[in-house]
Structure formats: C-alpha cells, structure tokens
Amino acid sequence: MSATLAPINDAPALGTRRKKPNLAAWTGYAGIAAVLLMFAFGSPFFLTASNIATILTQASVFGIAGVGLAMVIIAGGDDVLNGGIDLSTGAVAGLSGTVTALAASAGTPGLLAVLYGVLVATVIGVINGLSVTLGLRPLLATLATMGVAASLELVFNQNLKIAVTSGFFETARGTVFLGIPLAAWIMLLIGALGWWVYGKTSWGVNSYAVGQNPTAAQVAGLDPRKYRLASYVLGSALAGLAGTLMVARLSAAVPGIGTQILLDIILVAYMSIIFSRRRLVSVVGTVLAAVLIAALDNGLTSLGVASQWVGAAKGMLILLVLASVTLRGRKNR
C-alpha cells in the first residue's frame, strides 16, 4: 500500500496555487539585493559581465553539491543531530574529481572520465544510504565515509596535483551561452529539475513528508527508507558531478580541495531556508544561496578582506542558520 501525503512544507499540493512568500522569504531576497548593492558601490568591477560569470562558475560547484545535500536533508529531516546529513559530500567531490583527472590523463575520453568519477561517487552514496536505512546515525555514518573518501583520494593522487589537459575539459570550462558559463547552466538545470520534482510531483511531497514526520508517513503507507536511500544516492552523484566541474574549472584535481568546500556546501543547503515561506530546506533556495555565498566571497575578496575573515563569516552564518532550525524544531514540538 502506498499513498501521497498532504504537503506539510514548501512542497505544494498538486494542482494548488503556491502562496506568496512570507517575510522570511522576502528577507532572503532582500539580503541578496543588499549584498549586490554593497559590493557594486564598493568595487567598480563587481557587476561587470566577466565577474558575474566568475561568481556563477564558483557558485555552480558547491551549488550542485548543495542541491544533493538538500535532497538528503529533505528526506531525512533537518534535525541537526538525528536528521538527514551527509558530511562526506565534500570528500566525495574531491575523490570524484581525482578519479576523473586520473582517467582523463590516462587517455580516457572526457565524458567517459566524468562518468567514472560520478560512478565512484554514486557507489559511496549507496553505502551511505544503506548504512542509514540499517539504523546508523547519519552524522556518524557519513563521517566515516568522509574519512574513507578523503583517504582514497590521497591514495590515488599521492597528495599531488593532477593536471588535466584534455580538450573536453577546456571546452567545458570555456563554453559560455548568453553570457552564462556552462557550469552555471548545469546548476540552473539541476535546480529547475529539483524544483519540479520537489514542488510538483508526489515523490517530492512524500520526501518532505517522511523527512518531517516519518511516523505519520509510515502510517500513511510510505516507506521512509526508500526515500532516504534514494536521497543519499542522488546526493553523492551530484557531489561527484560537482567534483568533475571543479576539475574543469581548475584544470586539475587538487588534493584536499573537496574537504575545503564542505563548509560552503553545508552553508548553502541550510541557508536555503531563508528563501522558504515555511523555513524549510529547498532545492531552489539552495541554488539562490549558492549564488549569494559566491557573491559574498567574491565581493569581500575584491574589497581586500582577508580569506580567514571570509571563512569566519561563513562559520557565523552556519551557526545562525542552524540555531534558527533548532529553535523552529523546539517550537514545533
């Protein structure tokens, strides 16, 4: 027996109109506008076409991986300790990029090398999903696979940068359509697909339902394990894709860079709640948050702010967002 639950979150009921965003959502939009205006006045180069393309390219890497993490949080719930989380996302992206770079440097055609990297990431997603559905805490299970993925990356690259000179990756890095880089188009496409799946289909409604109230979902005939397993597999696959785009962007697989972007991935996934009328993690909000964080990073750097202060600002943002999620959970209980 299976059923489709009435939505209890941002996913609208099928065939109904979406309500206008509330104050929290408009605050998110206003935040983007304020950041853009501040940096536009502070730096004459911030709103140039080339810099905007740079921001979108930077946002695409942790935006795509962030969408994957958002799927995990949606299906597992946004409780920080017991809900859906995947700490291996950054390390998986790094491992996928390394596998892709090694395959490309060995003469494998570019697209096939990308598929190899995504396949490795997907396998780790299966391990994560099975571990969680068998009853392991997501926080601990994905912490373990993060260590495995990071170690495998170092084994494969021997802690050395692997340059990629394939024409496929050069083309991917240099392709621009309507002023928007290819990587950004991929992020927008994934965001649009995620908006449709989680906002217009029964799968998305049910995913939100099992994440917010798994007991009620089971009573209604849904199997939370199916949705959570799928979310971890898709989440890791998207992290793998992000890792291959990172290789194309840098023309190399850089050791340890995956763990360096983990903070950004977590930040954009949880910051998506500020674009939500019900203050829940969403795919579209994750894409918007990725652009906002990339713009923030780019703008602060252009104003001469030291990188350590940029990292500190991101850490404070994560604390604020997680505190908001925790307070909302207590209020609901």
C-alpha atoms as a PDB file:
ATOM      1  CA  MET A   1       0.000   0.000   0.000  1.00  0.00           C
ATOM      2  CA  SER A   2       1.314   3.454  -0.864  1.00  0.00           C
ATOM      3  CA  ALA A   3      -0.074   6.928  -0.524  1.00  0.00           C
ATOM      4  CA  THR A   4       0.667  10.545  -1.171  1.00  0.00           C
ATOM      5  CA  LEU A   5       0.520  12.671   1.949  1.00  0.00           C
ATOM      6  CA  ALA A   6      -0.770  16.179   2.007  1.00  0.00           C
ATOM      7  CA  PRO A   7       2.227  18.503   1.988  1.00  0.00           C
ATOM      8  CA  ILE A   8       3.318  19.854   5.332  1.00  0.00           C
ATOM      9  CA  ASN A   9       6.083  22.055   3.996  1.00  0.00           C
ATOM     10  CA  ASP A  10       7.221  24.012   0.958  1.00  0.00           C
ATOM     11  CA  ALA A  11       6.063  21.356  -1.483  1.00  0.00           C
ATOM     12  CA  PRO A  12       2.585  22.482  -2.590  1.00  0.00           C
ATOM     13  CA  ALA A  13      -0.346  20.168  -3.006  1.00  0.00           C
ATOM     14  CA  LEU A  14      -0.637  19.043  -6.609  1.00  0.00           C
ATOM     15  CA  GLY A  15      -2.883  21.382  -8.555  1.00  0.00           C
ATOM     16  CA  THR A  16      -2.958  24.103  -5.903  1.00  0.00           C
ATOM     17  CA  ARG A  17      -1.599  27.599  -6.004  1.00  0.00           C
ATOM     18  CA  ARG A  18       1.547  28.423  -4.125  1.00  0.00           C
ATOM     19  CA  LYS A  19       1.119  31.089  -1.503  1.00  0.00           C
ATOM     20  CA  LYS A  20       3.101  34.262  -1.706  1.00  0.00           C
ATOM     21  CA  PRO A  21       6.428  34.128   0.124  1.00  0.00           C
ATOM     22  CA  ASN A  22       6.268  35.391   3.680  1.00  0.00           C
ATOM     23  CA  LEU A  23       8.529  37.853   5.436  1.00  0.00           C
ATOM     24  CA  ALA A  24      11.313  35.294   5.928  1.00  0.00           C
ATOM     25  CA  ALA A  25      11.489  34.600   2.193  1.00  0.00           C
ATOM     26  CA  TRP A  26      11.453  38.270   1.262  1.00  0.00           C
ATOM     27  CA  THR A  27      14.219  38.827   3.786  1.00  0.00           C
ATOM     28  CA  GLY A  28      16.340  36.358   1.824  1.00  0.00           C
ATOM     29  CA  TYR A  29      15.707  38.163  -1.440  1.00  0.00           C
ATOM     30  CA  ALA A  30      16.433  41.499   0.212  1.00  0.00           C
ATOM     31  CA  GLY A  31      19.688  40.042   1.559  1.00  0.00           C
ATOM     32  CA  ILE A  32      20.871  39.215  -1.957  1.00  0.00           C
ATOM     33  CA  ALA A  33      19.964  42.705  -3.183  1.00  0.00           C
ATOM     34  CA  ALA A  34      21.753  44.336  -0.233  1.00  0.00           C
ATOM     35  CA  VAL A  35      24.923  42.295  -0.798  1.00  0.00           C
ATOM     36  CA  LEU A  36      24.966  43.082  -4.514  1.00  0.00           C
ATOM     37  CA  LEU A  37      24.425  46.799  -3.918  1.00  0.00           C
ATOM     38  CA  MET A  38      27.085  46.973  -1.213  1.00  0.00           C
ATOM     39  CA  PHE A  39      29.719  45.354  -3.398  1.00  0.00           C
ATOM     40  CA  ALA A  40      28.600  47.235  -6.509  1.00  0.00           C
ATOM     41  CA  PHE A  41      29.280  50.538  -4.763  1.00  0.00           C
ATOM     42  CA  GLY A  42      32.468  49.219  -3.143  1.00  0.00           C
ATOM     43  CA  SER A  43      34.043  47.834  -6.323  1.00  0.00           C
ATOM     44  CA  PRO A  44      33.522  49.105  -9.889  1.00  0.00           C
ATOM     45  CA  PHE A  45      34.331  45.647 -11.252  1.00  0.00           C
ATOM     46  CA  PHE A  46      31.840  43.656  -9.179  1.00  0.00           C
ATOM     47  CA  LEU A  47      28.896  43.869 -11.604  1.00  0.00           C
ATOM     48  CA  THR A  48      30.934  43.517 -14.782  1.00  0.00           C
ATOM     49  CA  ALA A  49      29.938  40.668 -17.082  1.00  0.00           C
ATOM     50  CA  SER A  50      33.221  38.812 -16.580  1.00  0.00           C
ATOM     51  CA  ASN A  51      32.987  38.985 -12.783  1.00  0.00           C
ATOM     52  CA  ILE A  52      29.367  37.856 -12.771  1.00  0.00           C
ATOM     53  CA  ALA A  53      30.407  34.874 -14.897  1.00  0.00           C
ATOM     54  CA  THR A  54      33.151  34.141 -12.354  1.00  0.00           C
ATOM     55  CA  ILE A  55      30.644  34.261  -9.483  1.00  0.00           C
ATOM     56  CA  LEU A  56      28.251  31.902 -11.268  1.00  0.00           C
ATOM     57  CA  THR A  57      31.060  29.472 -12.077  1.00  0.00           C
ATOM     58  CA  GLN A  58      32.192  29.469  -8.460  1.00  0.00           C
ATOM     59  CA  ALA A  59      28.618  29.027  -7.232  1.00  0.00           C
ATOM     60  CA  SER A  60      27.993  26.077  -9.542  1.00  0.00           C
ATOM     61  CA  VAL A  61      30.414  23.725  -7.756  1.00  0.00           C
ATOM     62  CA  PHE A  62      29.048  23.949  -4.220  1.00  0.00           C
ATOM     63  CA  GLY A  63      25.581  24.819  -5.550  1.00  0.00           C
ATOM     64  CA  ILE A  64      25.236  21.462  -7.327  1.00  0.00           C
ATOM     65  CA  ALA A  65      26.709  19.559  -4.380  1.00  0.00           C
ATOM     66  CA  GLY A  66      24.479  21.637  -2.088  1.00  0.00           C
ATOM     67  CA  VAL A  67      21.374  20.568  -4.028  1.00  0.00           C
ATOM     68  CA  GLY A  68      22.393  16.954  -3.394  1.00  0.00           C
ATOM     69  CA  LEU A  69      22.774  17.672   0.320  1.00  0.00           C
ATOM     70  CA  ALA A  70      19.407  19.473   0.319  1.00  0.00           C
ATOM     71  CA  MET A  71      17.776  16.296  -1.038  1.00  0.00           C
ATOM     72  CA  VAL A  72      19.307  14.329   1.843  1.00  0.00           C
ATOM     73  CA  ILE A  73      18.048  16.853   4.401  1.00  0.00           C
ATOM     74  CA  ILE A  74      14.566  16.947   2.858  1.00  0.00           C
ATOM     75  CA  ALA A  75      14.110  13.169   3.029  1.00  0.00           C
ATOM     76  CA  GLY A  76      15.857  12.745   6.380  1.00  0.00           C
ATOM     77  CA  GLY A  77      14.609  15.835   8.188  1.00  0.00           C
ATOM     78  CA  ASP A  78      16.539  18.931   9.163  1.00  0.00           C
ATOM     79  CA  ASP A  79      17.196  17.979  12.781  1.00  0.00           C
ATOM     80  CA  VAL A  80      20.895  18.726  13.113  1.00  0.00           C
ATOM     81  CA  LEU A  81      21.743  15.606  15.155  1.00  0.00           C
ATOM     82  CA  ASN A  82      19.223  12.986  14.055  1.00  0.00           C
ATOM     83  CA  GLY A  83      18.038  14.233  10.680  1.00  0.00           C
ATOM     84  CA  GLY A  84      19.422  13.873   7.190  1.00  0.00           C
ATOM     85  CA  ILE A  85      23.024  14.980   6.760  1.00  0.00           C
ATOM     86  CA  ASP A  86      25.932  13.926   4.567  1.00  0.00           C
ATOM     87  CA  LEU A  87      29.316  15.033   5.830  1.00  0.00           C
ATOM     88  CA  SER A  88      31.064  13.051   3.097  1.00  0.00           C
ATOM     89  CA  THR A  89      29.825  15.367   0.329  1.00  0.00           C
ATOM     90  CA  GLY A  90      32.990  17.446   0.044  1.00  0.00           C
ATOM     91  CA  ALA A  91      35.343  14.460   0.235  1.00  0.00           C
ATOM     92  CA  VAL A  92      33.241  12.617  -2.354  1.00  0.00           C
ATOM     93  CA  ALA A  93      33.517  15.608  -4.690  1.00  0.00           C
ATOM     94  CA  GLY A  94      37.293  15.587  -4.238  1.00  0.00           C
ATOM     95  CA  LEU A  95      37.544  11.835  -4.837  1.00  0.00           C
ATOM     96  CA  SER A  96      35.341  12.047  -7.921  1.00  0.00           C
ATOM     97  CA  GLY A  97      37.489  14.834  -9.320  1.00  0.00           C
ATOM     98  CA  THR A  98      40.649  12.818  -8.704  1.00  0.00           C
ATOM     99  CA  VAL A  99      39.234   9.723 -10.428  1.00  0.00           C
ATOM    100  CA  THR A 100      38.116  11.863 -13.360  1.00  0.00           C
ATOM    101  CA  ALA A 101      41.519  13.545 -13.667  1.00  0.00           C
ATOM    102  CA  LEU A 102      43.373  10.229 -13.479  1.00  0.00           C
ATOM    103  CA  ALA A 103      41.124   8.707 -16.134  1.00  0.00           C
ATOM    104  CA  ALA A 104      41.496  11.724 -18.417  1.00  0.00           C
ATOM    105  CA  SER A 105      45.279  11.819 -18.019  1.00  0.00           C
ATOM    106  CA  ALA A 106      45.377   8.130 -18.961  1.00  0.00           C
ATOM    107  CA  GLY A 107      43.722   8.919 -22.282  1.00  0.00           C
ATOM    108  CA  THR A 108      40.088   8.152 -21.426  1.00  0.00           C
ATOM    109  CA  PRO A 109      37.628  10.308 -23.421  1.00  0.00           C
ATOM    110  CA  GLY A 110      36.481  13.293 -21.370  1.00  0.00           C
ATOM    111  CA  LEU A 111      32.811  12.392 -20.992  1.00  0.00           C
ATOM    112  CA  LEU A 112      33.657   8.811 -20.045  1.00  0.00           C
ATOM    113  CA  ALA A 113      36.159  10.072 -17.467  1.00  0.00           C
ATOM    114  CA  VAL A 114      33.387  12.210 -15.957  1.00  0.00           C
ATOM    115  CA  LEU A 115      31.113   9.174 -15.809  1.00  0.00           C
ATOM    116  CA  TYR A 116      33.820   7.226 -13.967  1.00  0.00           C
ATOM    117  CA  GLY A 117      34.055   9.954 -11.349  1.00  0.00           C
ATOM    118  CA  VAL A 118      30.285  10.187 -10.902  1.00  0.00           C
ATOM    119  CA  LEU A 119      30.033   6.387 -10.688  1.00  0.00           C
ATOM    120  CA  VAL A 120      32.560   6.248  -7.838  1.00  0.00           C
ATOM    121  CA  ALA A 121      30.604   8.957  -6.021  1.00  0.00           C
ATOM    122  CA  THR A 122      27.335   7.075  -6.565  1.00  0.00           C
ATOM    123  CA  VAL A 123      28.803   3.912  -5.015  1.00  0.00           C
ATOM    124  CA  ILE A 124      29.645   5.869  -1.864  1.00  0.00           C
ATOM    125  CA  GLY A 125      26.106   7.244  -1.893  1.00  0.00           C
ATOM    126  CA  VAL A 126      24.749   3.686  -1.921  1.00  0.00           C
ATOM    127  CA  ILE A 127      26.952   2.836   1.066  1.00  0.00           C
ATOM    128  CA  ASN A 128      25.740   5.933   2.916  1.00  0.00           C
ATOM    129  CA  GLY A 129      22.109   5.206   2.123  1.00  0.00           C
ATOM    130  CA  LEU A 130      22.274   1.559   3.158  1.00  0.00           C
ATOM    131  CA  SER A 131      24.092   2.472   6.380  1.00  0.00           C
ATOM    132  CA  VAL A 132      21.414   4.992   7.325  1.00  0.00           C
ATOM    133  CA  THR A 133      18.479   2.754   6.408  1.00  0.00           C
ATOM    134  CA  LEU A 134      20.015  -0.019   8.520  1.00  0.00           C
ATOM    135  CA  GLY A 135      19.831   2.285  11.527  1.00  0.00           C
ATOM    136  CA  LEU A 136      23.196   4.060  11.776  1.00  0.00           C
ATOM    137  CA  ARG A 137      23.152   7.718  12.722  1.00  0.00           C
ATOM    138  CA  PRO A 138      23.614   9.750   9.508  1.00  0.00           C
ATOM    139  CA  LEU A 139      26.087  12.057  11.233  1.00  0.00           C
ATOM    140  CA  LEU A 140      28.378   9.160  12.195  1.00  0.00           C
ATOM    141  CA  ALA A 141      27.864   7.036   9.085  1.00  0.00           C
ATOM    142  CA  THR A 142      28.753   9.863   6.698  1.00  0.00           C
ATOM    143  CA  LEU A 143      31.623  10.981   8.917  1.00  0.00           C
ATOM    144  CA  ALA A 144      33.091   7.505   8.433  1.00  0.00           C
ATOM    145  CA  THR A 145      32.654   7.550   4.656  1.00  0.00           C
ATOM    146  CA  MET A 146      34.109  11.061   4.577  1.00  0.00           C
ATOM    147  CA  GLY A 147      37.290   9.639   6.075  1.00  0.00           C
ATOM    148  CA  VAL A 148      37.299   6.764   3.603  1.00  0.00           C
ATOM    149  CA  ALA A 149      36.760   9.040   0.583  1.00  0.00           C
ATOM    150  CA  ALA A 150      39.415  11.523   1.721  1.00  0.00           C
ATOM    151  CA  SER A 151      41.917   8.706   2.282  1.00  0.00           C
ATOM    152  CA  LEU A 152      41.194   7.120  -1.102  1.00  0.00           C
ATOM    153  CA  GLU A 153      41.722  10.483  -2.754  1.00  0.00           C
ATOM    154  CA  LEU A 154      45.205  10.727  -1.227  1.00  0.00           C
ATOM    155  CA  VAL A 155      45.972   7.135  -2.217  1.00  0.00           C
ATOM    156  CA  PHE A 156      45.005   7.800  -5.828  1.00  0.00           C
ATOM    157  CA  ASN A 157      46.713  11.172  -6.265  1.00  0.00           C
ATOM    158  CA  GLN A 158      49.619  10.530  -3.854  1.00  0.00           C
ATOM    159  CA  ASN A 159      48.963  14.014  -2.483  1.00  0.00           C
ATOM    160  CA  LEU A 160      49.967  15.579  -5.801  1.00  0.00           C
ATOM    161  CA  LYS A 161      48.020  17.844  -8.120  1.00  0.00           C
ATOM    162  CA  ILE A 162      46.882  16.040 -11.277  1.00  0.00           C
ATOM    163  CA  ALA A 163      46.808  18.389 -14.262  1.00  0.00           C
ATOM    164  CA  VAL A 164      44.111  17.892 -16.901  1.00  0.00           C
ATOM    165  CA  THR A 165      44.897  18.997 -20.445  1.00  0.00           C
ATOM    166  CA  SER A 166      42.062  17.242 -22.266  1.00  0.00           C
ATOM    167  CA  GLY A 167      40.293  19.390 -24.833  1.00  0.00           C
ATOM    168  CA  PHE A 168      36.969  18.213 -23.416  1.00  0.00           C
ATOM    169  CA  PHE A 169      37.595  19.973 -20.098  1.00  0.00           C
ATOM    170  CA  GLU A 170      38.983  23.072 -21.788  1.00  0.00           C
ATOM    171  CA  THR A 171      35.809  23.271 -23.852  1.00  0.00           C
ATOM    172  CA  ALA A 172      33.640  22.722 -20.780  1.00  0.00           C
ATOM    173  CA  ARG A 173      35.477  25.482 -18.932  1.00  0.00           C
ATOM    174  CA  GLY A 174      35.325  27.966 -21.806  1.00  0.00           C
ATOM    175  CA  THR A 175      31.775  27.359 -23.070  1.00  0.00           C
ATOM    176  CA  VAL A 176      29.506  30.359 -22.479  1.00  0.00           C
ATOM    177  CA  PHE A 177      25.916  30.753 -23.658  1.00  0.00           C
ATOM    178  CA  LEU A 178      24.035  34.048 -23.287  1.00  0.00           C
ATOM    179  CA  GLY A 179      26.842  35.269 -21.064  1.00  0.00           C
ATOM    180  CA  ILE A 180      26.394  32.370 -18.613  1.00  0.00           C
ATOM    181  CA  PRO A 181      29.112  29.685 -18.265  1.00  0.00           C
ATOM    182  CA  LEU A 182      28.269  26.045 -18.939  1.00  0.00           C
ATOM    183  CA  ALA A 183      28.780  25.049 -15.293  1.00  0.00           C
ATOM    184  CA  ALA A 184      26.203  27.636 -14.213  1.00  0.00           C
ATOM    185  CA  TRP A 185      23.736  26.358 -16.827  1.00  0.00           C
ATOM    186  CA  ILE A 186      24.145  22.860 -15.393  1.00  0.00           C
ATOM    187  CA  MET A 187      23.435  24.193 -11.898  1.00  0.00           C
ATOM    188  CA  LEU A 188      20.350  26.065 -13.121  1.00  0.00           C
ATOM    189  CA  LEU A 189      19.112  22.990 -14.973  1.00  0.00           C
ATOM    190  CA  ILE A 190      19.530  20.815 -11.883  1.00  0.00           C
ATOM    191  CA  GLY A 191      17.807  23.479  -9.793  1.00  0.00           C
ATOM    192  CA  ALA A 192      14.867  23.643 -12.216  1.00  0.00           C
ATOM    193  CA  LEU A 193      14.565  19.855 -12.267  1.00  0.00           C
ATOM    194  CA  GLY A 194      14.697  19.768  -8.466  1.00  0.00           C
ATOM    195  CA  TRP A 195      12.019  22.483  -8.271  1.00  0.00           C
ATOM    196  CA  TRP A 196       9.737  20.373 -10.442  1.00  0.00           C
ATOM    197  CA  VAL A 197      10.395  17.090  -8.602  1.00  0.00           C
ATOM    198  CA  TYR A 198      10.075  18.503  -5.077  1.00  0.00           C
ATOM    199  CA  GLY A 199       7.354  21.018  -5.846  1.00  0.00           C
ATOM    200  CA  LYS A 200       5.167  19.378  -8.455  1.00  0.00           C
ATOM    201  CA  THR A 201       5.357  15.598  -8.024  1.00  0.00           C
ATOM    202  CA  SER A 202       4.174  13.097  -5.439  1.00  0.00           C
ATOM    203  CA  TRP A 203       7.776  11.948  -4.935  1.00  0.00           C
ATOM    204  CA  GLY A 204       8.738  15.403  -3.714  1.00  0.00           C
ATOM    205  CA  VAL A 205       5.698  15.742  -1.457  1.00  0.00           C
ATOM    206  CA  ASN A 206       6.340  12.311   0.029  1.00  0.00           C
ATOM    207  CA  SER A 207      10.044  13.085   0.514  1.00  0.00           C
ATOM    208  CA  TYR A 208       9.184  16.146   2.577  1.00  0.00           C
ATOM    209  CA  ALA A 209       6.592  14.116   4.490  1.00  0.00           C
ATOM    210  CA  VAL A 210       8.960  11.313   5.510  1.00  0.00           C
ATOM    211  CA  GLY A 211      11.559  13.885   6.484  1.00  0.00           C
ATOM    212  CA  GLN A 212       9.272  15.963   8.662  1.00  0.00           C
ATOM    213  CA  ASN A 213       7.223  13.165  10.229  1.00  0.00           C
ATOM    214  CA  PRO A 214       8.374   9.619   9.397  1.00  0.00           C
ATOM    215  CA  THR A 215       5.890   8.024  11.798  1.00  0.00           C
ATOM    216  CA  ALA A 216       2.904   9.658  10.107  1.00  0.00           C
ATOM    217  CA  ALA A 217       4.395   8.784   6.719  1.00  0.00           C
ATOM    218  CA  GLN A 218       4.612   5.104   7.680  1.00  0.00           C
ATOM    219  CA  VAL A 219       1.016   5.146   8.922  1.00  0.00           C
ATOM    220  CA  ALA A 220       0.013   6.546   5.537  1.00  0.00           C
ATOM    221  CA  GLY A 221       1.760   3.669   3.796  1.00  0.00           C
ATOM    222  CA  LEU A 222       5.056   5.285   2.828  1.00  0.00           C
ATOM    223  CA  ASP A 223       8.446   3.655   3.342  1.00  0.00           C
ATOM    224  CA  PRO A 224      10.891   6.317   4.613  1.00  0.00           C
ATOM    225  CA  ARG A 225      13.845   4.035   3.868  1.00  0.00           C
ATOM    226  CA  LYS A 226      13.169   4.143   0.130  1.00  0.00           C
ATOM    227  CA  TYR A 227      13.188   7.937   0.001  1.00  0.00           C
ATOM    228  CA  ARG A 228      16.242   8.277   2.228  1.00  0.00           C
ATOM    229  CA  LEU A 229      18.253   5.711   0.296  1.00  0.00           C
ATOM    230  CA  ALA A 230      17.433   7.478  -2.969  1.00  0.00           C
ATOM    231  CA  SER A 231      18.388  10.852  -1.493  1.00  0.00           C
ATOM    232  CA  TYR A 232      21.853   9.665  -0.454  1.00  0.00           C
ATOM    233  CA  VAL A 233      22.497   8.060  -3.837  1.00  0.00           C
ATOM    234  CA  LEU A 234      21.386  11.171  -5.753  1.00  0.00           C
ATOM    235  CA  GLY A 235      23.182  13.454  -3.322  1.00  0.00           C
ATOM    236  CA  SER A 236      26.511  11.682  -3.792  1.00  0.00           C
ATOM    237  CA  ALA A 237      26.056  11.536  -7.572  1.00  0.00           C
ATOM    238  CA  LEU A 238      25.572  15.316  -7.633  1.00  0.00           C
ATOM    239  CA  ALA A 239      28.623  15.761  -5.402  1.00  0.00           C
ATOM    240  CA  GLY A 240      30.563  13.676  -7.911  1.00  0.00           C
ATOM    241  CA  LEU A 241      29.349  15.857 -10.765  1.00  0.00           C
ATOM    242  CA  ALA A 242      30.392  18.942  -8.807  1.00  0.00           C
ATOM    243  CA  GLY A 243      33.837  17.408  -8.354  1.00  0.00           C
ATOM    244  CA  THR A 244      34.261  16.931 -12.101  1.00  0.00           C
ATOM    245  CA  LEU A 245      33.190  20.534 -12.732  1.00  0.00           C
ATOM    246  CA  MET A 246      35.769  21.630 -10.170  1.00  0.00           C
ATOM    247  CA  VAL A 247      38.438  19.775 -12.164  1.00  0.00           C
ATOM    248  CA  ALA A 248      37.323  21.532 -15.355  1.00  0.00           C
ATOM    249  CA  ARG A 249      37.377  24.898 -13.605  1.00  0.00           C
ATOM    250  CA  LEU A 250      40.864  24.456 -12.113  1.00  0.00           C
ATOM    251  CA  SER A 251      42.301  22.388 -14.992  1.00  0.00           C
ATOM    252  CA  ALA A 252      43.477  19.966 -12.323  1.00  0.00           C
ATOM    253  CA  ALA A 253      42.464  17.792  -9.407  1.00  0.00           C
ATOM    254  CA  VAL A 254      43.843  19.496  -6.293  1.00  0.00           C
ATOM    255  CA  PRO A 255      44.414  17.320  -3.184  1.00  0.00           C
ATOM    256  CA  GLY A 256      42.111  18.119  -0.267  1.00  0.00           C
ATOM    257  CA  ILE A 257      40.019  20.724  -2.061  1.00  0.00           C
ATOM    258  CA  GLY A 258      36.855  18.689  -1.543  1.00  0.00           C
ATOM    259  CA  THR A 259      37.061  18.961   2.235  1.00  0.00           C
ATOM    260  CA  GLN A 260      37.743  22.684   1.854  1.00  0.00           C
ATOM    261  CA  ILE A 261      34.389  23.279   0.158  1.00  0.00           C
ATOM    262  CA  LEU A 262      32.385  21.210   2.661  1.00  0.00           C
ATOM    263  CA  LEU A 263      31.646  24.340   4.697  1.00  0.00           C
ATOM    264  CA  ASP A 264      30.200  26.058   1.620  1.00  0.00           C
ATOM    265  CA  ILE A 265      28.095  23.012   0.715  1.00  0.00           C
ATOM    266  CA  ILE A 266      26.556  22.770   4.184  1.00  0.00           C
ATOM    267  CA  LEU A 267      26.061  26.517   4.318  1.00  0.00           C
ATOM    268  CA  VAL A 268      24.143  26.841   1.054  1.00  0.00           C
ATOM    269  CA  ALA A 269      21.939  23.818   1.806  1.00  0.00           C
ATOM    270  CA  TYR A 270      20.850  25.138   5.197  1.00  0.00           C
ATOM    271  CA  MET A 271      20.730  28.775   4.091  1.00  0.00           C
ATOM    272  CA  SER A 272      18.021  27.775   1.626  1.00  0.00           C
ATOM    273  CA  ILE A 273      15.537  28.067   4.490  1.00  0.00           C
ATOM    274  CA  ILE A 274      15.697  31.868   4.281  1.00  0.00           C
ATOM    275  CA  PHE A 275      14.119  31.627   0.811  1.00  0.00           C
ATOM    276  CA  SER A 276      11.349  29.348   2.079  1.00  0.00           C
ATOM    277  CA  ARG A 277       7.928  30.552   3.179  1.00  0.00           C
ATOM    278  CA  ARG A 278       7.884  27.746   5.785  1.00  0.00           C
ATOM    279  CA  ARG A 279      11.586  27.972   6.658  1.00  0.00           C
ATOM    280  CA  LEU A 280      12.471  24.544   5.285  1.00  0.00           C
ATOM    281  CA  VAL A 281      15.394  23.393   3.164  1.00  0.00           C
ATOM    282  CA  SER A 282      14.599  23.548  -0.564  1.00  0.00           C
ATOM    283  CA  VAL A 283      16.352  22.929  -3.869  1.00  0.00           C
ATOM    284  CA  VAL A 284      15.627  26.338  -5.380  1.00  0.00           C
ATOM    285  CA  GLY A 285      16.673  28.060  -2.166  1.00  0.00           C
ATOM    286  CA  THR A 286      19.963  26.151  -2.265  1.00  0.00           C
ATOM    287  CA  VAL A 287      20.754  27.449  -5.755  1.00  0.00           C
ATOM    288  CA  LEU A 288      19.930  31.014  -4.696  1.00  0.00           C
ATOM    289  CA  ALA A 289      22.027  30.620  -1.543  1.00  0.00           C
ATOM    290  CA  ALA A 290      24.952  29.331  -3.618  1.00  0.00           C
ATOM    291  CA  VAL A 291      24.871  32.466  -5.774  1.00  0.00           C
ATOM    292  CA  LEU A 292      24.616  34.628  -2.663  1.00  0.00           C
ATOM    293  CA  ILE A 293      27.590  32.956  -0.937  1.00  0.00           C
ATOM    294  CA  ALA A 294      29.695  33.076  -4.107  1.00  0.00           C
ATOM    295  CA  ALA A 295      28.879  36.772  -4.476  1.00  0.00           C
ATOM    296  CA  LEU A 296      29.718  37.351  -0.815  1.00  0.00           C
ATOM    297  CA  ASP A 297      33.036  35.536  -1.180  1.00  0.00           C
ATOM    298  CA  ASN A 298      33.897  37.355  -4.400  1.00  0.00           C
ATOM    299  CA  GLY A 299      32.860  40.762  -3.093  1.00  0.00           C
ATOM    300  CA  LEU A 300      34.746  40.521   0.175  1.00  0.00           C
ATOM    301  CA  THR A 301      37.853  39.393  -1.662  1.00  0.00           C
ATOM    302  CA  SER A 302      37.572  42.288  -4.125  1.00  0.00           C
ATOM    303  CA  LEU A 303      37.358  44.680  -1.176  1.00  0.00           C
ATOM    304  CA  GLY A 304      40.602  43.277   0.230  1.00  0.00           C
ATOM    305  CA  VAL A 305      39.123  41.311   3.147  1.00  0.00           C
ATOM    306  CA  ALA A 306      41.485  38.526   4.288  1.00  0.00           C
ATOM    307  CA  SER A 307      40.375  34.986   3.478  1.00  0.00           C
ATOM    308  CA  GLN A 308      40.362  33.947   7.147  1.00  0.00           C
ATOM    309  CA  TRP A 309      37.723  36.597   7.882  1.00  0.00           C
ATOM    310  CA  VAL A 310      35.638  35.353   4.964  1.00  0.00           C
ATOM    311  CA  GLY A 311      35.768  31.856   6.464  1.00  0.00           C
ATOM    312  CA  ALA A 312      34.830  33.222   9.870  1.00  0.00           C
ATOM    313  CA  ALA A 313      31.811  34.993   8.356  1.00  0.00           C
ATOM    314  CA  LYS A 314      30.655  31.737   6.747  1.00  0.00           C
ATOM    315  CA  GLY A 315      31.035  29.922  10.048  1.00  0.00           C
ATOM    316  CA  MET A 316      28.889  32.507  11.809  1.00  0.00           C
ATOM    317  CA  LEU A 317      26.247  32.214   9.094  1.00  0.00           C
ATOM    318  CA  ILE A 318      26.091  28.443   9.610  1.00  0.00           C
ATOM    319  CA  LEU A 319      25.697  28.915  13.381  1.00  0.00           C
ATOM    320  CA  LEU A 320      22.854  31.390  12.845  1.00  0.00           C
ATOM    321  CA  VAL A 321      21.045  29.168  10.368  1.00  0.00           C
ATOM    322  CA  LEU A 322      21.411  26.005  12.476  1.00  0.00           C
ATOM    323  CA  ALA A 323      20.250  27.919  15.553  1.00  0.00           C
ATOM    324  CA  SER A 324      17.178  29.006  13.609  1.00  0.00           C
ATOM    325  CA  VAL A 325      16.480  25.388  12.569  1.00  0.00           C
ATOM    326  CA  THR A 326      16.880  24.163  16.164  1.00  0.00           C
ATOM    327  CA  LEU A 327      14.594  26.855  17.608  1.00  0.00           C
ATOM    328  CA  ARG A 328      11.958  26.116  14.987  1.00  0.00           C
ATOM    329  CA  GLY A 329      12.112  22.406  15.849  1.00  0.00           C
ATOM    330  CA  ARG A 330      11.637  23.122  19.548  1.00  0.00           C
ATOM    331  CA  LYS A 331       8.702  25.396  18.800  1.00  0.00           C
ATOM    332  CA  ASN A 332       7.056  22.711  16.639  1.00  0.00           C
ATOM    333  CA  ARG A 333       7.490  20.101  19.373  1.00  0.00           C
END
